[in-house]
Amino acid sequence: MNVLSQVAALTAAAVHVFVWPLESFLYGSPRIRSFLTGSTADAPEVRLWRVNVGFYNLFLALGLIAGVVSLHTGDVNTGRSLIVYVCIFMIAAGTVLFVSDRRLWRGSLGQAVPPAIALAAHALLD
């Protein structure tokens, strides 16, 4: 995979690592809720859901990081497979987020655009 696709994949990983503690640990703050959802309204009954989603984002990020590490340690097929699969997963999740609530378009773009760039760069430049 070319450098642009790897940088875009690592950018997607960074976005997901950044969001992980916000969703899993800091969602109690009205500022964080507003940043993530556009609303300061709290829904304590979804605590388990948001912690799970936060860790889900962390695990996706770790999948991309493992893919890039695999590329650079000689296991190119595994690295490419991990990156492509996780990028497709992130794009699909970003699309579902947008379709579910269009007010969350910024989060949808943050989730889907970096992995889309990674796949486009891979397809067009490799």
C-alpha atoms as a PDB file:
ATOM      1  CA  MET A   1       0.000   0.000   0.000  1.00  0.00           C
ATOM      2  CA  ASN A   2       1.255   3.449  -0.863  1.00  0.00           C
ATOM      3  CA  VAL A   3       2.171   6.149   1.657  1.00  0.00           C
ATOM      4  CA  LEU A   4      -1.023   8.179   1.129  1.00  0.00           C
ATOM      5  CA  SER A   5      -3.267   5.191   1.851  1.00  0.00           C
ATOM      6  CA  GLN A   6      -1.264   4.374   4.988  1.00  0.00           C
ATOM      7  CA  VAL A   7      -1.367   7.982   6.242  1.00  0.00           C
ATOM      8  CA  ALA A   8      -5.122   8.153   5.631  1.00  0.00           C
ATOM      9  CA  ALA A   9      -5.602   4.828   7.452  1.00  0.00           C
ATOM     10  CA  LEU A  10      -3.587   6.096  10.412  1.00  0.00           C
ATOM     11  CA  THR A  11      -5.598   9.340  10.366  1.00  0.00           C
ATOM     12  CA  ALA A  12      -8.788   7.258  10.556  1.00  0.00           C
ATOM     13  CA  ALA A  13      -7.252   5.346  13.466  1.00  0.00           C
ATOM     14  CA  ALA A  14      -6.362   8.618  15.215  1.00  0.00           C
ATOM     15  CA  VAL A  15      -9.937   9.898  14.855  1.00  0.00           C
ATOM     16  CA  HIS A  16     -11.290   6.715  16.413  1.00  0.00           C
ATOM     17  CA  VAL A  17      -8.732   6.740  19.244  1.00  0.00           C
ATOM     18  CA  PHE A  18      -9.633  10.392  19.937  1.00  0.00           C
ATOM     19  CA  VAL A  19     -13.358   9.612  20.120  1.00  0.00           C
ATOM     20  CA  TRP A  20     -12.923   6.500  22.289  1.00  0.00           C
ATOM     21  CA  PRO A  21     -12.446   8.256  25.677  1.00  0.00           C
ATOM     22  CA  LEU A  22     -15.030  10.896  24.800  1.00  0.00           C
ATOM     23  CA  GLU A  23     -17.707   8.249  24.328  1.00  0.00           C
ATOM     24  CA  SER A  24     -16.544   5.788  26.953  1.00  0.00           C
ATOM     25  CA  PHE A  25     -15.477   8.006  29.850  1.00  0.00           C
ATOM     26  CA  LEU A  26     -16.199  11.700  29.279  1.00  0.00           C
ATOM     27  CA  TYR A  27     -19.750  11.651  27.904  1.00  0.00           C
ATOM     28  CA  GLY A  28     -21.063  12.945  31.237  1.00  0.00           C
ATOM     29  CA  SER A  29     -19.790  16.419  30.358  1.00  0.00           C
ATOM     30  CA  PRO A  30     -22.322  18.636  28.553  1.00  0.00           C
ATOM     31  CA  ARG A  31     -19.475  19.989  26.352  1.00  0.00           C
ATOM     32  CA  ILE A  32     -18.548  16.481  25.226  1.00  0.00           C
ATOM     33  CA  ARG A  33     -22.178  15.545  24.561  1.00  0.00           C
ATOM     34  CA  SER A  34     -22.598  18.710  22.514  1.00  0.00           C
ATOM     35  CA  PHE A  35     -19.411  17.965  20.556  1.00  0.00           C
ATOM     36  CA  LEU A  36     -20.498  14.399  19.783  1.00  0.00           C
ATOM     37  CA  THR A  37     -24.243  14.804  19.287  1.00  0.00           C
ATOM     38  CA  GLY A  38     -24.988  18.509  18.971  1.00  0.00           C
ATOM     39  CA  SER A  39     -27.091  18.336  22.149  1.00  0.00           C
ATOM     40  CA  THR A  40     -26.265  18.773  25.813  1.00  0.00           C
ATOM     41  CA  ALA A  41     -29.117  16.477  26.857  1.00  0.00           C
ATOM     42  CA  ASP A  42     -27.935  13.524  28.898  1.00  0.00           C
ATOM     43  CA  ALA A  43     -29.285  10.002  28.621  1.00  0.00           C
ATOM     44  CA  PRO A  44     -27.794   8.046  31.524  1.00  0.00           C
ATOM     45  CA  GLU A  45     -29.691   4.942  30.482  1.00  0.00           C
ATOM     46  CA  VAL A  46     -27.388   4.592  27.457  1.00  0.00           C
ATOM     47  CA  ARG A  47     -24.184   4.471  29.526  1.00  0.00           C
ATOM     48  CA  LEU A  48     -23.515   0.832  28.653  1.00  0.00           C
ATOM     49  CA  TRP A  49     -24.148   1.531  24.964  1.00  0.00           C
ATOM     50  CA  ARG A  50     -21.807   4.510  24.791  1.00  0.00           C
ATOM     51  CA  VAL A  51     -19.001   2.723  26.665  1.00  0.00           C
ATOM     52  CA  ASN A  52     -19.351  -0.196  24.236  1.00  0.00           C
ATOM     53  CA  VAL A  53     -19.349   2.091  21.192  1.00  0.00           C
ATOM     54  CA  GLY A  54     -16.289   3.920  22.498  1.00  0.00           C
ATOM     55  CA  PHE A  55     -14.336   0.706  22.893  1.00  0.00           C
ATOM     56  CA  TYR A  56     -15.599  -0.469  19.516  1.00  0.00           C
ATOM     57  CA  ASN A  57     -13.938   2.631  18.037  1.00  0.00           C
ATOM     58  CA  LEU A  58     -10.718   1.857  19.887  1.00  0.00           C
ATOM     59  CA  PHE A  59     -10.658  -1.709  18.560  1.00  0.00           C
ATOM     60  CA  LEU A  60     -11.257  -0.491  14.997  1.00  0.00           C
ATOM     61  CA  ALA A  61      -8.347   1.922  15.355  1.00  0.00           C
ATOM     62  CA  LEU A  62      -6.124  -0.856  16.674  1.00  0.00           C
ATOM     63  CA  GLY A  63      -7.062  -2.960  13.633  1.00  0.00           C
ATOM     64  CA  LEU A  64      -5.803  -0.238  11.299  1.00  0.00           C
ATOM     65  CA  ILE A  65      -2.638   0.228  13.329  1.00  0.00           C
ATOM     66  CA  ALA A  66      -2.022  -3.535  13.267  1.00  0.00           C
ATOM     67  CA  GLY A  67      -2.531  -3.481   9.497  1.00  0.00           C
ATOM     68  CA  VAL A  68       0.065  -0.753   8.977  1.00  0.00           C
ATOM     69  CA  VAL A  69       2.494  -2.502  11.332  1.00  0.00           C
ATOM     70  CA  SER A  70       1.976  -5.746   9.402  1.00  0.00           C
ATOM     71  CA  LEU A  71       2.765  -3.954   6.145  1.00  0.00           C
ATOM     72  CA  HIS A  72       6.063  -2.751   7.562  1.00  0.00           C
ATOM     73  CA  THR A  73       7.071  -6.042   9.156  1.00  0.00           C
ATOM     74  CA  GLY A  74       6.806  -8.081   5.984  1.00  0.00           C
ATOM     75  CA  ASP A  75       3.285  -9.479   6.190  1.00  0.00           C
ATOM     76  CA  VAL A  76       1.882  -7.397   3.345  1.00  0.00           C
ATOM     77  CA  ASN A  77      -1.184  -9.550   2.611  1.00  0.00           C
ATOM     78  CA  THR A  78      -2.332  -9.523   6.229  1.00  0.00           C
ATOM     79  CA  GLY A  79      -1.679  -5.790   6.522  1.00  0.00           C
ATOM     80  CA  ARG A  80      -3.563  -4.971   3.352  1.00  0.00           C
ATOM     81  CA  SER A  81      -6.464  -7.229   4.341  1.00  0.00           C
ATOM     82  CA  LEU A  82      -6.776  -5.650   7.781  1.00  0.00           C
ATOM     83  CA  ILE A  83      -6.641  -2.114   6.408  1.00  0.00           C
ATOM     84  CA  VAL A  84      -9.151  -2.737   3.631  1.00  0.00           C
ATOM     85  CA  TYR A  85     -11.616  -4.573   5.879  1.00  0.00           C
ATOM     86  CA  VAL A  86     -11.497  -2.031   8.713  1.00  0.00           C
ATOM     87  CA  CYS A  87     -11.744   0.893   6.274  1.00  0.00           C
ATOM     88  CA  ILE A  88     -14.828  -0.632   4.645  1.00  0.00           C
ATOM     89  CA  PHE A  89     -16.292  -1.202   8.116  1.00  0.00           C
ATOM     90  CA  MET A  90     -15.651   2.435   9.116  1.00  0.00           C
ATOM     91  CA  ILE A  91     -17.162   3.787   5.880  1.00  0.00           C
ATOM     92  CA  ALA A  92     -20.250   1.629   6.357  1.00  0.00           C
ATOM     93  CA  ALA A  93     -20.607   2.725  10.001  1.00  0.00           C
ATOM     94  CA  GLY A  94     -20.243   6.385   9.027  1.00  0.00           C
ATOM     95  CA  THR A  95     -22.914   5.928   6.380  1.00  0.00           C
ATOM     96  CA  VAL A  96     -25.265   4.282   8.887  1.00  0.00           C
ATOM     97  CA  LEU A  97     -24.641   7.136  11.341  1.00  0.00           C
ATOM     98  CA  PHE A  98     -25.562   9.717   8.698  1.00  0.00           C
ATOM     99  CA  VAL A  99     -28.655   7.827   7.536  1.00  0.00           C
ATOM    100  CA  SER A 100     -29.761   7.326  11.158  1.00  0.00           C
ATOM    101  CA  ASP A 101     -29.546  11.016  12.085  1.00  0.00           C
ATOM    102  CA  ARG A 102     -28.468  13.578   9.510  1.00  0.00           C
ATOM    103  CA  ARG A 103     -27.715  16.092  12.264  1.00  0.00           C
ATOM    104  CA  LEU A 104     -24.652  13.945  13.024  1.00  0.00           C
ATOM    105  CA  TRP A 105     -23.153  14.584   9.593  1.00  0.00           C
ATOM    106  CA  ARG A 106     -19.883  15.920  11.038  1.00  0.00           C
ATOM    107  CA  GLY A 107     -19.305  12.716  12.994  1.00  0.00           C
ATOM    108  CA  SER A 108     -20.272  10.714   9.945  1.00  0.00           C
ATOM    109  CA  LEU A 109     -17.703  12.531   7.816  1.00  0.00           C
ATOM    110  CA  GLY A 110     -15.033  12.151  10.491  1.00  0.00           C
ATOM    111  CA  GLN A 111     -15.721   8.453  10.659  1.00  0.00           C
ATOM    112  CA  ALA A 112     -16.003   7.731   6.936  1.00  0.00           C
ATOM    113  CA  VAL A 113     -13.835  10.174   4.970  1.00  0.00           C
ATOM    114  CA  PRO A 114     -10.304   9.226   6.153  1.00  0.00           C
ATOM    115  CA  PRO A 115     -10.840   5.503   5.477  1.00  0.00           C
ATOM    116  CA  ALA A 116     -12.474   6.354   2.134  1.00  0.00           C
ATOM    117  CA  ILE A 117      -9.350   8.317   1.203  1.00  0.00           C
ATOM    118  CA  ALA A 118      -7.213   5.360   2.273  1.00  0.00           C
ATOM    119  CA  LEU A 119      -9.135   2.969   0.023  1.00  0.00           C
ATOM    120  CA  ALA A 120      -9.265   5.410  -2.902  1.00  0.00           C
ATOM    121  CA  ALA A 121      -5.515   6.030  -2.663  1.00  0.00           C
ATOM    122  CA  HIS A 122      -4.894   2.298  -2.514  1.00  0.00           C
ATOM    123  CA  ALA A 123      -7.121   1.605  -5.506  1.00  0.00           C
ATOM    124  CA  LEU A 124      -5.849   4.472  -7.648  1.00  0.00           C
ATOM    125  CA  LEU A 125      -2.149   4.590  -6.782  1.00  0.00           C
ATOM    126  CA  ASP A 126      -1.136   0.982  -6.151  1.00  0.00           C
END
